[in-house]
N, C-alpha and C. Protein backbone atom coordinates (compact mmCIF):
# COMPACT_ATOMS: atom_id res chain seq x y z
N MET A 1 51.85 -80.64 26.74
CA MET A 1 50.56 -81.20 27.08
C MET A 1 49.91 -80.29 28.12
N PRO A 2 48.68 -79.82 27.85
CA PRO A 2 48.00 -78.95 28.81
C PRO A 2 47.71 -79.69 30.12
N PRO A 3 47.68 -78.96 31.23
CA PRO A 3 47.42 -79.60 32.52
C PRO A 3 46.10 -80.38 32.55
N ILE A 4 45.05 -79.85 31.92
CA ILE A 4 43.76 -80.55 31.96
C ILE A 4 43.85 -81.91 31.28
N THR A 5 44.67 -82.02 30.25
CA THR A 5 44.89 -83.31 29.60
C THR A 5 45.55 -84.29 30.55
N ARG A 6 46.55 -83.81 31.28
CA ARG A 6 47.21 -84.67 32.26
C ARG A 6 46.22 -85.14 33.33
N TYR A 7 45.32 -84.25 33.76
CA TYR A 7 44.32 -84.63 34.76
C TYR A 7 43.41 -85.73 34.22
N PHE A 8 42.95 -85.56 32.99
CA PHE A 8 42.09 -86.58 32.38
C PHE A 8 42.82 -87.92 32.29
N ILE A 9 44.04 -87.91 31.80
CA ILE A 9 44.77 -89.15 31.56
C ILE A 9 45.14 -89.83 32.89
N LYS A 10 45.62 -89.05 33.85
CA LYS A 10 45.99 -89.65 35.14
C LYS A 10 44.76 -90.18 35.87
N SER A 11 43.65 -89.45 35.82
CA SER A 11 42.42 -89.94 36.44
C SER A 11 41.95 -91.21 35.75
N GLY A 12 42.05 -91.23 34.43
CA GLY A 12 41.67 -92.42 33.68
C GLY A 12 42.49 -93.63 34.10
N MET A 13 43.79 -93.44 34.30
CA MET A 13 44.64 -94.56 34.73
C MET A 13 44.27 -95.03 36.14
N ILE A 14 43.93 -94.08 37.01
CA ILE A 14 43.51 -94.46 38.37
C ILE A 14 42.22 -95.28 38.31
N TYR A 15 41.26 -94.83 37.51
CA TYR A 15 40.01 -95.60 37.38
C TYR A 15 40.26 -96.97 36.76
N PHE A 16 41.22 -97.06 35.85
CA PHE A 16 41.55 -98.35 35.24
C PHE A 16 42.04 -99.33 36.31
N VAL A 17 42.98 -98.90 37.12
CA VAL A 17 43.51 -99.77 38.18
C VAL A 17 42.42 -100.12 39.18
N LEU A 18 41.64 -99.12 39.63
CA LEU A 18 40.57 -99.39 40.59
C LEU A 18 39.52 -100.33 40.01
N GLY A 19 39.18 -100.15 38.74
CA GLY A 19 38.19 -101.01 38.09
C GLY A 19 38.65 -102.45 38.01
N ILE A 20 39.92 -102.66 37.65
CA ILE A 20 40.46 -104.02 37.56
C ILE A 20 40.51 -104.66 38.94
N VAL A 21 40.96 -103.92 39.94
CA VAL A 21 41.03 -104.45 41.31
C VAL A 21 39.63 -104.78 41.82
N LEU A 22 38.67 -103.90 41.58
CA LEU A 22 37.30 -104.14 42.03
C LEU A 22 36.68 -105.34 41.31
N ALA A 23 36.95 -105.47 40.02
CA ALA A 23 36.44 -106.62 39.27
C ALA A 23 37.03 -107.92 39.80
N PHE A 24 38.32 -107.89 40.11
CA PHE A 24 38.97 -109.07 40.68
C PHE A 24 38.35 -109.42 42.04
N TYR A 25 38.17 -108.40 42.88
CA TYR A 25 37.58 -108.61 44.20
C TYR A 25 36.16 -109.18 44.08
N ALA A 26 35.37 -108.64 43.16
CA ALA A 26 33.98 -109.07 43.02
C ALA A 26 33.87 -110.52 42.56
N GLU A 27 34.91 -111.01 41.88
CA GLU A 27 34.87 -112.39 41.37
C GLU A 27 35.47 -113.41 42.33
N LEU A 28 35.99 -112.96 43.46
CA LEU A 28 36.56 -113.90 44.43
C LEU A 28 35.46 -114.81 44.99
N PRO A 29 35.78 -116.07 45.21
CA PRO A 29 34.80 -116.97 45.81
C PRO A 29 34.43 -116.50 47.22
N GLY A 30 33.16 -116.58 47.53
CA GLY A 30 32.70 -116.19 48.85
C GLY A 30 32.31 -114.73 48.98
N ILE A 31 32.51 -113.94 47.93
CA ILE A 31 32.12 -112.53 47.97
C ILE A 31 30.67 -112.46 47.50
N ARG A 32 29.75 -112.19 48.44
CA ARG A 32 28.33 -112.18 48.10
C ARG A 32 27.89 -110.87 47.45
N THR A 33 28.69 -109.84 47.58
CA THR A 33 28.31 -108.53 47.02
C THR A 33 28.86 -108.33 45.61
N GLY A 34 29.41 -109.37 45.02
CA GLY A 34 30.01 -109.25 43.69
C GLY A 34 29.05 -108.72 42.64
N ALA A 35 27.81 -109.18 42.67
CA ALA A 35 26.82 -108.73 41.68
C ALA A 35 26.47 -107.26 41.88
N LEU A 36 26.52 -106.78 43.11
CA LEU A 36 26.24 -105.37 43.37
C LEU A 36 27.35 -104.46 42.84
N LEU A 37 28.55 -105.01 42.76
CA LEU A 37 29.70 -104.22 42.31
C LEU A 37 29.86 -104.22 40.80
N LEU A 38 29.14 -105.09 40.11
CA LEU A 38 29.27 -105.19 38.65
C LEU A 38 29.09 -103.86 37.93
N PRO A 39 28.01 -103.11 38.16
CA PRO A 39 27.88 -101.83 37.45
C PRO A 39 28.94 -100.81 37.86
N VAL A 40 29.45 -100.92 39.09
CA VAL A 40 30.45 -99.97 39.55
C VAL A 40 31.75 -100.16 38.77
N TYR A 41 32.24 -101.39 38.69
CA TYR A 41 33.51 -101.55 38.00
C TYR A 41 33.37 -101.40 36.49
N TRP A 42 32.18 -101.64 35.93
CA TRP A 42 32.01 -101.35 34.50
C TRP A 42 32.03 -99.85 34.25
N HIS A 43 31.44 -99.08 35.14
CA HIS A 43 31.51 -97.62 35.01
C HIS A 43 32.94 -97.13 35.19
N MET A 44 33.66 -97.74 36.11
CA MET A 44 35.06 -97.35 36.30
C MET A 44 35.87 -97.59 35.03
N LEU A 45 35.63 -98.74 34.40
CA LEU A 45 36.43 -99.07 33.22
C LEU A 45 35.98 -98.31 31.97
N VAL A 46 34.69 -98.22 31.74
CA VAL A 46 34.22 -97.62 30.48
C VAL A 46 34.18 -96.10 30.55
N ILE A 47 33.59 -95.55 31.59
CA ILE A 47 33.49 -94.10 31.70
C ILE A 47 34.75 -93.53 32.34
N GLY A 48 35.14 -94.10 33.47
CA GLY A 48 36.30 -93.58 34.18
C GLY A 48 37.59 -93.71 33.43
N TRP A 49 37.82 -94.85 32.79
CA TRP A 49 39.08 -95.06 32.09
C TRP A 49 38.99 -94.66 30.63
N LEU A 50 38.21 -95.39 29.85
CA LEU A 50 38.19 -95.16 28.39
C LEU A 50 37.72 -93.76 28.02
N THR A 51 36.62 -93.33 28.58
CA THR A 51 36.07 -92.03 28.20
C THR A 51 37.02 -90.90 28.59
N GLN A 52 37.60 -90.99 29.78
CA GLN A 52 38.52 -89.92 30.20
C GLN A 52 39.78 -89.89 29.35
N ILE A 53 40.31 -91.04 29.00
CA ILE A 53 41.49 -91.08 28.13
C ILE A 53 41.15 -90.45 26.78
N ILE A 54 40.01 -90.82 26.22
CA ILE A 54 39.60 -90.27 24.92
C ILE A 54 39.42 -88.76 25.02
N MET A 55 38.74 -88.29 26.05
CA MET A 55 38.54 -86.85 26.21
C MET A 55 39.88 -86.12 26.36
N GLY A 56 40.73 -86.62 27.22
CA GLY A 56 42.01 -85.96 27.47
C GLY A 56 42.89 -85.90 26.24
N VAL A 57 43.01 -87.02 25.54
CA VAL A 57 43.87 -87.04 24.35
C VAL A 57 43.29 -86.17 23.24
N SER A 58 41.97 -86.18 23.07
CA SER A 58 41.39 -85.36 22.00
C SER A 58 41.53 -83.87 22.32
N ILE A 59 41.40 -83.49 23.58
CA ILE A 59 41.60 -82.08 23.94
C ILE A 59 43.05 -81.68 23.66
N TRP A 60 43.95 -82.59 23.85
CA TRP A 60 45.36 -82.31 23.61
C TRP A 60 45.68 -82.28 22.12
N MET A 61 45.16 -83.23 21.36
CA MET A 61 45.59 -83.42 19.98
C MET A 61 44.83 -82.60 18.94
N PHE A 62 43.56 -82.33 19.16
CA PHE A 62 42.81 -81.56 18.17
C PHE A 62 43.33 -80.13 18.16
N PRO A 63 43.56 -79.58 17.00
CA PRO A 63 44.11 -78.22 16.95
C PRO A 63 43.14 -77.19 17.52
N ARG A 64 43.68 -76.28 18.29
CA ARG A 64 42.85 -75.24 18.91
C ARG A 64 42.57 -74.12 17.93
N THR A 65 41.43 -73.49 18.13
CA THR A 65 41.10 -72.31 17.33
C THR A 65 41.91 -71.13 17.87
N LYS A 66 41.94 -70.04 17.12
CA LYS A 66 42.70 -68.87 17.56
C LYS A 66 42.22 -68.38 18.92
N LYS A 67 40.92 -68.38 19.12
CA LYS A 67 40.35 -67.93 20.40
C LYS A 67 40.78 -68.85 21.55
N GLN A 68 40.85 -70.16 21.29
CA GLN A 68 41.21 -71.11 22.33
C GLN A 68 42.70 -71.04 22.67
N ARG A 69 43.54 -70.61 21.73
CA ARG A 69 44.98 -70.53 21.98
C ARG A 69 45.33 -69.49 23.04
N GLN A 70 44.46 -68.52 23.22
CA GLN A 70 44.72 -67.47 24.20
C GLN A 70 44.57 -67.97 25.63
N ASN A 71 43.80 -69.00 25.83
CA ASN A 71 43.51 -69.51 27.18
C ASN A 71 43.91 -70.98 27.24
N ILE A 72 44.99 -71.30 27.96
CA ILE A 72 45.47 -72.68 28.01
C ILE A 72 44.52 -73.59 28.80
N GLN A 73 43.83 -73.05 29.81
CA GLN A 73 42.87 -73.83 30.59
C GLN A 73 41.48 -73.29 30.30
N SER A 74 40.82 -73.82 29.31
CA SER A 74 39.50 -73.32 28.96
C SER A 74 38.47 -73.83 29.97
N PHE A 75 37.46 -73.01 30.22
CA PHE A 75 36.40 -73.37 31.17
C PHE A 75 35.68 -74.66 30.78
N PRO A 76 35.27 -74.85 29.51
CA PRO A 76 34.54 -76.08 29.18
C PRO A 76 35.35 -77.35 29.45
N ALA A 77 36.64 -77.34 29.19
CA ALA A 77 37.46 -78.53 29.43
C ALA A 77 37.57 -78.83 30.92
N VAL A 78 37.80 -77.80 31.71
CA VAL A 78 37.90 -77.99 33.16
C VAL A 78 36.56 -78.43 33.74
N ALA A 79 35.48 -77.80 33.27
CA ALA A 79 34.15 -78.18 33.74
C ALA A 79 33.82 -79.62 33.34
N ALA A 80 34.22 -80.04 32.15
CA ALA A 80 34.00 -81.42 31.72
C ALA A 80 34.70 -82.39 32.66
N PHE A 81 35.93 -82.07 33.01
CA PHE A 81 36.69 -82.95 33.92
C PHE A 81 36.00 -83.07 35.28
N TRP A 82 35.67 -81.93 35.88
CA TRP A 82 35.11 -81.96 37.23
C TRP A 82 33.70 -82.53 37.28
N THR A 83 32.86 -82.21 36.30
CA THR A 83 31.50 -82.77 36.34
C THR A 83 31.53 -84.28 36.08
N LEU A 84 32.40 -84.73 35.19
CA LEU A 84 32.49 -86.17 34.93
C LEU A 84 32.95 -86.91 36.18
N ASN A 85 34.01 -86.43 36.80
CA ASN A 85 34.55 -87.14 37.96
C ASN A 85 33.65 -87.05 39.19
N THR A 86 33.01 -85.92 39.38
CA THR A 86 32.06 -85.82 40.50
C THR A 86 30.89 -86.76 40.28
N GLY A 87 30.38 -86.80 39.04
CA GLY A 87 29.29 -87.72 38.73
C GLY A 87 29.68 -89.17 38.92
N LEU A 88 30.90 -89.52 38.52
CA LEU A 88 31.34 -90.90 38.68
C LEU A 88 31.47 -91.28 40.16
N VAL A 89 32.07 -90.42 40.94
CA VAL A 89 32.25 -90.73 42.37
C VAL A 89 30.89 -90.87 43.05
N LEU A 90 29.96 -89.98 42.75
CA LEU A 90 28.61 -90.10 43.33
C LEU A 90 27.97 -91.43 42.94
N ARG A 91 28.15 -91.82 41.70
CA ARG A 91 27.58 -93.09 41.23
C ARG A 91 28.21 -94.27 41.98
N PHE A 92 29.53 -94.23 42.15
CA PHE A 92 30.22 -95.32 42.84
C PHE A 92 29.78 -95.44 44.30
N LEU A 93 29.46 -94.31 44.91
CA LEU A 93 29.05 -94.32 46.31
C LEU A 93 27.61 -94.79 46.50
N ALA A 94 26.75 -94.53 45.53
CA ALA A 94 25.32 -94.82 45.71
C ALA A 94 24.86 -96.12 45.08
N GLU A 95 25.37 -96.46 43.92
CA GLU A 95 24.80 -97.57 43.14
C GLU A 95 24.77 -98.92 43.85
N PRO A 96 25.81 -99.33 44.56
CA PRO A 96 25.75 -100.65 45.19
C PRO A 96 24.69 -100.76 46.28
N PHE A 97 24.25 -99.62 46.84
CA PHE A 97 23.33 -99.66 47.97
C PHE A 97 21.86 -99.65 47.57
N ILE A 98 21.55 -99.33 46.34
CA ILE A 98 20.15 -99.24 45.91
C ILE A 98 19.39 -100.55 46.14
N PRO A 99 19.93 -101.71 45.76
CA PRO A 99 19.16 -102.95 46.01
C PRO A 99 19.09 -103.35 47.48
N LEU A 100 19.96 -102.81 48.31
CA LEU A 100 20.02 -103.22 49.71
C LEU A 100 19.08 -102.43 50.61
N VAL A 101 18.62 -101.29 50.16
CA VAL A 101 17.82 -100.40 51.00
C VAL A 101 16.35 -100.51 50.59
N GLN A 102 15.46 -100.59 51.60
CA GLN A 102 14.03 -100.70 51.31
C GLN A 102 13.53 -99.49 50.53
N ASN A 103 13.74 -98.32 51.09
CA ASN A 103 13.33 -97.09 50.44
C ASN A 103 14.60 -96.38 49.98
N GLY A 104 15.02 -96.68 48.77
CA GLY A 104 16.27 -96.16 48.26
C GLY A 104 16.14 -94.81 47.59
N LEU A 105 15.20 -93.97 48.08
CA LEU A 105 14.96 -92.68 47.44
C LEU A 105 16.22 -91.82 47.43
N LEU A 106 16.91 -91.74 48.54
CA LEU A 106 18.12 -90.92 48.61
C LEU A 106 19.17 -91.41 47.61
N PHE A 107 19.36 -92.73 47.57
CA PHE A 107 20.34 -93.28 46.65
C PHE A 107 19.93 -93.06 45.20
N ASN A 108 18.62 -93.18 44.92
CA ASN A 108 18.14 -92.92 43.56
C ASN A 108 18.35 -91.45 43.16
N LEU A 109 18.14 -90.54 44.10
CA LEU A 109 18.38 -89.12 43.82
C LEU A 109 19.87 -88.86 43.55
N VAL A 110 20.73 -89.54 44.28
CA VAL A 110 22.17 -89.40 44.04
C VAL A 110 22.53 -89.93 42.66
N ILE A 111 21.91 -91.04 42.26
CA ILE A 111 22.17 -91.59 40.92
C ILE A 111 21.68 -90.62 39.85
N ILE A 112 20.52 -90.01 40.05
CA ILE A 112 20.00 -89.04 39.09
C ILE A 112 20.94 -87.84 39.00
N LEU A 113 21.41 -87.33 40.14
CA LEU A 113 22.37 -86.22 40.14
C LEU A 113 23.66 -86.63 39.42
N SER A 114 24.10 -87.85 39.68
CA SER A 114 25.29 -88.37 39.02
C SER A 114 25.12 -88.39 37.51
N SER A 115 23.97 -88.84 37.05
CA SER A 115 23.70 -88.89 35.61
C SER A 115 23.65 -87.50 35.00
N ILE A 116 23.03 -86.56 35.71
CA ILE A 116 22.97 -85.17 35.22
C ILE A 116 24.38 -84.59 35.08
N LEU A 117 25.22 -84.86 36.07
CA LEU A 117 26.60 -84.36 36.01
C LEU A 117 27.38 -84.98 34.85
N GLN A 118 27.16 -86.27 34.60
CA GLN A 118 27.87 -86.92 33.51
C GLN A 118 27.39 -86.41 32.15
N VAL A 119 26.10 -86.16 32.01
CA VAL A 119 25.58 -85.58 30.76
C VAL A 119 26.11 -84.16 30.58
N ALA A 120 26.16 -83.40 31.69
CA ALA A 120 26.74 -82.05 31.63
C ALA A 120 28.19 -82.11 31.19
N SER A 121 28.91 -83.11 31.64
CA SER A 121 30.30 -83.27 31.24
C SER A 121 30.43 -83.48 29.74
N VAL A 122 29.56 -84.29 29.19
CA VAL A 122 29.57 -84.52 27.74
C VAL A 122 29.28 -83.22 26.99
N ILE A 123 28.33 -82.44 27.50
CA ILE A 123 28.00 -81.16 26.87
C ILE A 123 29.19 -80.21 26.93
N PHE A 124 29.84 -80.11 28.09
CA PHE A 124 31.03 -79.25 28.21
C PHE A 124 32.14 -79.72 27.26
N TYR A 125 32.32 -81.03 27.19
CA TYR A 125 33.33 -81.58 26.29
C TYR A 125 33.02 -81.21 24.83
N LEU A 126 31.76 -81.34 24.43
CA LEU A 126 31.39 -81.00 23.06
C LEU A 126 31.58 -79.51 22.78
N ILE A 127 31.28 -78.66 23.76
CA ILE A 127 31.51 -77.23 23.60
C ILE A 127 33.00 -76.97 23.38
N GLU A 128 33.84 -77.71 24.07
CA GLU A 128 35.29 -77.55 23.93
C GLU A 128 35.80 -78.06 22.59
N ILE A 129 35.34 -79.22 22.17
CA ILE A 129 35.96 -79.89 21.03
C ILE A 129 35.30 -79.55 19.69
N TRP A 130 34.03 -79.17 19.70
CA TRP A 130 33.30 -78.93 18.45
C TRP A 130 33.98 -77.91 17.53
N PRO A 131 34.41 -76.76 18.04
CA PRO A 131 35.06 -75.79 17.14
C PRO A 131 36.38 -76.29 16.55
N ARG A 132 36.98 -77.28 17.18
CA ARG A 132 38.26 -77.79 16.71
C ARG A 132 38.12 -78.74 15.53
N VAL A 133 36.95 -79.31 15.36
CA VAL A 133 36.73 -80.26 14.27
C VAL A 133 36.39 -79.45 13.02
N GLN A 134 37.40 -79.27 12.19
CA GLN A 134 37.25 -78.46 11.00
C GLN A 134 37.79 -79.21 9.80
N THR A 135 37.34 -78.80 8.64
CA THR A 135 37.92 -79.37 7.44
C THR A 135 39.29 -78.75 7.21
N ARG A 136 40.13 -79.50 6.62
CA ARG A 136 41.48 -79.02 6.34
C ARG A 136 41.45 -78.11 5.13
N LYS A 137 42.01 -76.94 5.29
CA LYS A 137 42.05 -76.00 4.18
C LYS A 137 43.28 -76.32 3.34
N ARG A 138 43.01 -76.67 2.11
CA ARG A 138 44.10 -77.02 1.20
C ARG A 138 44.45 -75.80 0.35
N PRO A 139 45.71 -75.65 0.10
CA PRO A 139 46.11 -74.52 -0.74
C PRO A 139 45.60 -74.70 -2.17
N VAL A 140 45.23 -73.61 -2.76
CA VAL A 140 44.74 -73.63 -4.14
C VAL A 140 45.94 -73.71 -5.08
N ARG A 141 45.89 -74.68 -5.96
CA ARG A 141 46.99 -74.85 -6.92
C ARG A 141 46.69 -74.04 -8.18
N ARG A 142 47.63 -73.27 -8.54
CA ARG A 142 47.44 -72.46 -9.74
C ARG A 142 48.12 -73.13 -10.92
N LYS A 143 47.43 -73.08 -12.03
CA LYS A 143 48.01 -73.64 -13.25
C LYS A 143 48.91 -72.58 -13.86
N THR A 144 50.05 -73.00 -14.27
CA THR A 144 50.97 -72.05 -14.91
C THR A 144 51.13 -72.29 -16.37
């Protein structure tokens, strides 16, 4: 298993645990900020956990092209990991505060940067995985 796959899967598991804990905390009686945390734990579970697990496993399991076999840590895969996780962390830090601040311009800019990083991650992931999605070449059967 390539190291980048391990990073994706381990990060995904961390987001899974954090998302479940945060969801539990947000639902406790007397927690007034529970509604503010709703988008955070959904992002942790859907993007942080599910998306990272899917990306990591597909990078591991899809057969590499000849060019990709030469480099075990390809730039697009590493860039996908770092841009996705940086975007997620920025989102987690800014999103709960947007409704609480009168002029949330700074927080809105952080959310926009977070979104740009997450879209960039998807683009890097597609650059990595697209060449791997190929039709299976079947041997030609000769009639004798």
